[in-house]
Amino acid sequence: MKKTNNRIPKFKNEDEEREFWATHSPLDYFDRKNAKRPAFPNLKPSLKSISIRLPEDMLEELKVLANKRDVPYQSLAKMYLARQIALERERVKRGR
């Protein structure tokens, strides 16, 4: 990375800034020596816990399938849900 003394100019508006960045590389204005690793101590998890009632035999089968894949059964359930949601989204998109 080349050393730079470039300073980012002050912009009058977003259009001016957009035009500037369309023709300039941010790497010309970035100094790795002064960079610091960010810390985000107050981030909230993006997952939400829920309770779901399942028939016992369905839960047992899910656990067997998860064991065969060597993944936690909750993870396998999320994978199945994500796959079905994607299929439904596609079906709705196609207008069926």
N, C-alpha and C. Protein backbone atom coordinates (compact mmCIF):
# COMPACT_ATOMS: atom_id res chain seq x y z
N MET A 1 0.85 -1.17 0.00
CA MET A 1 0.00 0.00 0.00
C MET A 1 0.88 1.23 0.00
N LYS A 2 0.58 2.15 -0.88
CA LYS A 2 1.40 3.34 -0.96
C LYS A 2 1.07 4.30 0.16
N LYS A 3 2.08 5.03 0.56
CA LYS A 3 1.87 6.02 1.63
C LYS A 3 1.15 7.22 1.03
N THR A 4 0.24 7.76 1.80
CA THR A 4 -0.55 8.88 1.29
C THR A 4 -0.69 9.97 2.32
N ASN A 5 -0.70 11.21 1.84
CA ASN A 5 -0.98 12.36 2.69
C ASN A 5 -2.29 13.01 2.25
N ASN A 6 -3.03 12.30 1.41
CA ASN A 6 -4.29 12.83 0.90
C ASN A 6 -5.28 13.03 2.03
N ARG A 7 -6.00 14.12 1.95
CA ARG A 7 -7.07 14.40 2.89
C ARG A 7 -8.38 14.36 2.12
N ILE A 8 -9.37 13.78 2.74
CA ILE A 8 -10.69 13.74 2.12
C ILE A 8 -11.25 15.16 2.16
N PRO A 9 -11.68 15.66 1.01
CA PRO A 9 -12.21 17.04 0.99
C PRO A 9 -13.55 17.15 1.71
N LYS A 10 -13.90 18.37 2.05
CA LYS A 10 -15.23 18.64 2.62
C LYS A 10 -16.19 18.75 1.44
N PHE A 11 -17.36 18.11 1.60
CA PHE A 11 -18.32 18.10 0.51
C PHE A 11 -19.50 19.00 0.85
N LYS A 12 -20.03 19.67 -0.18
CA LYS A 12 -21.18 20.55 0.02
C LYS A 12 -22.47 19.74 0.18
N ASN A 13 -22.51 18.57 -0.48
CA ASN A 13 -23.72 17.76 -0.43
C ASN A 13 -23.38 16.32 -0.81
N GLU A 14 -24.36 15.44 -0.72
CA GLU A 14 -24.13 14.02 -1.02
C GLU A 14 -23.81 13.79 -2.48
N ASP A 15 -24.40 14.57 -3.36
CA ASP A 15 -24.11 14.41 -4.80
C ASP A 15 -22.64 14.67 -5.09
N GLU A 16 -22.11 15.71 -4.48
CA GLU A 16 -20.70 16.04 -4.66
C GLU A 16 -19.81 14.92 -4.11
N GLU A 17 -20.18 14.40 -2.96
CA GLU A 17 -19.41 13.30 -2.37
C GLU A 17 -19.48 12.04 -3.23
N ARG A 18 -20.68 11.74 -3.72
CA ARG A 18 -20.87 10.56 -4.58
C ARG A 18 -20.01 10.67 -5.84
N GLU A 19 -19.99 11.87 -6.43
CA GLU A 19 -19.19 12.10 -7.64
C GLU A 19 -17.69 11.92 -7.35
N PHE A 20 -17.27 12.41 -6.19
CA PHE A 20 -15.87 12.28 -5.79
C PHE A 20 -15.47 10.81 -5.66
N TRP A 21 -16.27 10.02 -4.92
CA TRP A 21 -15.90 8.63 -4.67
C TRP A 21 -16.05 7.76 -5.92
N ALA A 22 -16.81 8.22 -6.89
CA ALA A 22 -16.93 7.48 -8.15
C ALA A 22 -15.62 7.54 -8.94
N THR A 23 -14.77 8.52 -8.64
CA THR A 23 -13.52 8.69 -9.39
C THR A 23 -12.27 8.56 -8.52
N HIS A 24 -12.44 8.25 -7.25
CA HIS A 24 -11.30 8.11 -6.34
C HIS A 24 -11.41 6.82 -5.54
N SER A 25 -10.27 6.27 -5.18
CA SER A 25 -10.25 5.05 -4.38
C SER A 25 -10.12 5.39 -2.90
N PRO A 26 -10.94 4.77 -2.06
CA PRO A 26 -10.79 4.98 -0.62
C PRO A 26 -9.41 4.54 -0.12
N LEU A 27 -8.80 3.60 -0.82
CA LEU A 27 -7.48 3.11 -0.39
C LEU A 27 -6.42 4.20 -0.45
N ASP A 28 -6.63 5.23 -1.28
CA ASP A 28 -5.69 6.34 -1.35
C ASP A 28 -5.80 7.26 -0.14
N TYR A 29 -6.83 7.06 0.68
CA TYR A 29 -7.08 7.92 1.83
C TYR A 29 -7.05 7.14 3.14
N PHE A 30 -6.56 5.93 3.09
CA PHE A 30 -6.57 5.04 4.26
C PHE A 30 -5.14 4.78 4.70
N ASP A 31 -4.87 5.00 5.96
CA ASP A 31 -3.54 4.77 6.53
C ASP A 31 -3.63 3.62 7.52
N ARG A 32 -3.10 2.46 7.14
CA ARG A 32 -3.20 1.27 8.00
C ARG A 32 -2.48 1.45 9.33
N LYS A 33 -1.46 2.29 9.35
CA LYS A 33 -0.70 2.47 10.59
C LYS A 33 -1.54 3.10 11.69
N ASN A 34 -2.52 3.89 11.31
CA ASN A 34 -3.37 4.54 12.30
C ASN A 34 -4.68 3.79 12.54
N ALA A 35 -4.86 2.69 11.84
CA ALA A 35 -6.11 1.93 11.97
C ALA A 35 -6.13 1.18 13.30
N LYS A 36 -7.31 1.09 13.88
CA LYS A 36 -7.49 0.36 15.13
C LYS A 36 -8.59 -0.67 14.93
N ARG A 37 -8.45 -1.80 15.59
CA ARG A 37 -9.47 -2.84 15.52
C ARG A 37 -10.72 -2.34 16.26
N PRO A 38 -11.86 -2.38 15.58
CA PRO A 38 -13.08 -1.88 16.25
C PRO A 38 -13.56 -2.83 17.33
N ALA A 39 -14.22 -2.27 18.31
CA ALA A 39 -14.84 -3.06 19.37
C ALA A 39 -16.30 -2.66 19.45
N PHE A 40 -17.16 -3.65 19.54
CA PHE A 40 -18.60 -3.41 19.61
C PHE A 40 -19.17 -4.12 20.84
N PRO A 41 -18.86 -3.63 22.03
CA PRO A 41 -19.26 -4.34 23.25
C PRO A 41 -20.76 -4.34 23.52
N ASN A 42 -21.49 -3.39 22.95
CA ASN A 42 -22.92 -3.28 23.26
C ASN A 42 -23.82 -3.83 22.17
N LEU A 43 -23.26 -4.60 21.25
CA LEU A 43 -24.09 -5.19 20.20
C LEU A 43 -25.06 -6.19 20.79
N LYS A 44 -26.27 -6.16 20.30
CA LYS A 44 -27.26 -7.14 20.75
C LYS A 44 -27.27 -8.30 19.77
N PRO A 45 -27.47 -9.51 20.26
CA PRO A 45 -27.49 -10.65 19.34
C PRO A 45 -28.64 -10.50 18.34
N SER A 46 -28.39 -10.97 17.13
CA SER A 46 -29.41 -10.84 16.10
C SER A 46 -30.36 -12.03 16.09
N LEU A 47 -30.22 -12.89 17.07
CA LEU A 47 -31.10 -14.05 17.16
C LEU A 47 -32.16 -13.81 18.22
N LYS A 48 -33.29 -14.38 18.01
CA LYS A 48 -34.38 -14.28 18.99
C LYS A 48 -34.78 -15.68 19.39
N SER A 49 -34.84 -15.92 20.66
CA SER A 49 -35.26 -17.22 21.16
C SER A 49 -36.77 -17.33 21.09
N ILE A 50 -37.24 -18.51 20.70
CA ILE A 50 -38.67 -18.78 20.66
C ILE A 50 -38.92 -20.15 21.26
N SER A 51 -40.15 -20.37 21.62
CA SER A 51 -40.56 -21.71 22.05
C SER A 51 -41.46 -22.27 20.98
N ILE A 52 -41.30 -23.53 20.69
CA ILE A 52 -42.15 -24.18 19.69
C ILE A 52 -42.49 -25.57 20.21
N ARG A 53 -43.72 -25.92 20.12
CA ARG A 53 -44.16 -27.25 20.55
C ARG A 53 -44.15 -28.18 19.35
N LEU A 54 -43.45 -29.29 19.50
CA LEU A 54 -43.37 -30.29 18.45
C LEU A 54 -43.83 -31.63 18.99
N PRO A 55 -44.41 -32.45 18.13
CA PRO A 55 -44.70 -33.81 18.57
C PRO A 55 -43.39 -34.51 18.93
N GLU A 56 -43.43 -35.33 19.97
CA GLU A 56 -42.22 -35.99 20.44
C GLU A 56 -41.53 -36.79 19.35
N ASP A 57 -42.30 -37.51 18.53
CA ASP A 57 -41.68 -38.32 17.48
C ASP A 57 -40.99 -37.45 16.44
N MET A 58 -41.53 -36.25 16.15
CA MET A 58 -40.89 -35.34 15.21
C MET A 58 -39.56 -34.84 15.77
N LEU A 59 -39.56 -34.50 17.05
CA LEU A 59 -38.34 -34.03 17.69
C LEU A 59 -37.28 -35.13 17.71
N GLU A 60 -37.69 -36.35 18.03
CA GLU A 60 -36.73 -37.47 18.05
C GLU A 60 -36.14 -37.71 16.66
N GLU A 61 -36.98 -37.65 15.63
CA GLU A 61 -36.50 -37.84 14.26
C GLU A 61 -35.53 -36.72 13.87
N LEU A 62 -35.86 -35.51 14.27
CA LEU A 62 -34.97 -34.37 14.01
C LEU A 62 -33.61 -34.59 14.67
N LYS A 63 -33.62 -35.09 15.90
CA LYS A 63 -32.37 -35.35 16.61
C LYS A 63 -31.56 -36.45 15.93
N VAL A 64 -32.24 -37.49 15.43
CA VAL A 64 -31.55 -38.57 14.72
C VAL A 64 -30.89 -38.03 13.45
N LEU A 65 -31.66 -37.24 12.69
CA LEU A 65 -31.12 -36.66 11.45
C LEU A 65 -29.95 -35.72 11.74
N ALA A 66 -30.08 -34.92 12.79
CA ALA A 66 -29.01 -34.00 13.16
C ALA A 66 -27.76 -34.76 13.58
N ASN A 67 -27.95 -35.85 14.32
CA ASN A 67 -26.82 -36.67 14.75
C ASN A 67 -26.08 -37.24 13.55
N LYS A 68 -26.81 -37.67 12.52
CA LYS A 68 -26.19 -38.21 11.31
C LYS A 68 -25.36 -37.15 10.59
N ARG A 69 -25.78 -35.90 10.70
CA ARG A 69 -25.05 -34.80 10.06
C ARG A 69 -24.02 -34.17 10.99
N ASP A 70 -24.02 -34.62 12.23
CA ASP A 70 -23.10 -34.09 13.24
C ASP A 70 -23.31 -32.58 13.46
N VAL A 71 -24.58 -32.19 13.57
CA VAL A 71 -24.93 -30.80 13.88
C VAL A 71 -25.95 -30.81 15.01
N PRO A 72 -26.04 -29.74 15.76
CA PRO A 72 -27.08 -29.66 16.79
C PRO A 72 -28.47 -29.68 16.14
N TYR A 73 -29.43 -30.28 16.81
CA TYR A 73 -30.75 -30.40 16.21
C TYR A 73 -31.41 -29.04 16.00
N GLN A 74 -31.11 -28.06 16.86
CA GLN A 74 -31.66 -26.72 16.66
C GLN A 74 -31.13 -26.11 15.37
N SER A 75 -29.86 -26.35 15.07
CA SER A 75 -29.27 -25.83 13.84
C SER A 75 -29.90 -26.49 12.62
N LEU A 76 -30.14 -27.79 12.71
CA LEU A 76 -30.78 -28.48 11.60
C LEU A 76 -32.20 -27.96 11.39
N ALA A 77 -32.91 -27.71 12.47
CA ALA A 77 -34.27 -27.16 12.36
C ALA A 77 -34.23 -25.79 11.67
N LYS A 78 -33.24 -24.96 12.02
CA LYS A 78 -33.10 -23.65 11.37
C LYS A 78 -32.80 -23.81 9.89
N MET A 79 -31.95 -24.78 9.55
CA MET A 79 -31.63 -25.02 8.14
C MET A 79 -32.89 -25.43 7.37
N TYR A 80 -33.68 -26.33 7.95
CA TYR A 80 -34.91 -26.78 7.30
C TYR A 80 -35.90 -25.61 7.13
N LEU A 81 -36.04 -24.81 8.17
CA LEU A 81 -36.93 -23.65 8.09
C LEU A 81 -36.46 -22.66 7.02
N ALA A 82 -35.16 -22.39 7.01
CA ALA A 82 -34.61 -21.44 6.02
C ALA A 82 -34.85 -21.95 4.60
N ARG A 83 -34.64 -23.24 4.38
CA ARG A 83 -34.85 -23.83 3.05
C ARG A 83 -36.32 -23.71 2.64
N GLN A 84 -37.23 -24.03 3.54
CA GLN A 84 -38.65 -23.97 3.21
C GLN A 84 -39.11 -22.54 2.98
N ILE A 85 -38.60 -21.61 3.78
CA ILE A 85 -38.95 -20.20 3.58
C ILE A 85 -38.47 -19.74 2.21
N ALA A 86 -37.25 -20.12 1.81
CA ALA A 86 -36.74 -19.74 0.49
C ALA A 86 -37.60 -20.34 -0.61
N LEU A 87 -38.02 -21.60 -0.46
CA LEU A 87 -38.88 -22.23 -1.46
C LEU A 87 -40.22 -21.51 -1.56
N GLU A 88 -40.79 -21.16 -0.43
CA GLU A 88 -42.07 -20.45 -0.42
C GLU A 88 -41.94 -19.07 -1.06
N ARG A 89 -40.85 -18.40 -0.77
CA ARG A 89 -40.60 -17.08 -1.36
C ARG A 89 -40.56 -17.18 -2.88
N GLU A 90 -39.84 -18.19 -3.37
CA GLU A 90 -39.76 -18.40 -4.83
C GLU A 90 -41.13 -18.72 -5.42
N ARG A 91 -41.89 -19.54 -4.72
CA ARG A 91 -43.22 -19.91 -5.20
C ARG A 91 -44.11 -18.69 -5.30
N VAL A 92 -44.06 -17.82 -4.29
CA VAL A 92 -44.87 -16.60 -4.30
C VAL A 92 -44.39 -15.67 -5.42
N LYS A 93 -43.08 -15.59 -5.62
CA LYS A 93 -42.53 -14.75 -6.67
C LYS A 93 -43.02 -15.18 -8.05
N ARG A 94 -43.15 -16.50 -8.24
CA ARG A 94 -43.62 -17.02 -9.52
C ARG A 94 -45.14 -16.92 -9.64
N GLY A 95 -45.79 -16.50 -8.56
CA GLY A 95 -47.23 -16.28 -8.59
C GLY A 95 -48.06 -17.53 -8.49
N ARG A 96 -47.61 -18.51 -7.74
CA ARG A 96 -48.38 -19.76 -7.61
C ARG A 96 -49.08 -19.82 -6.30
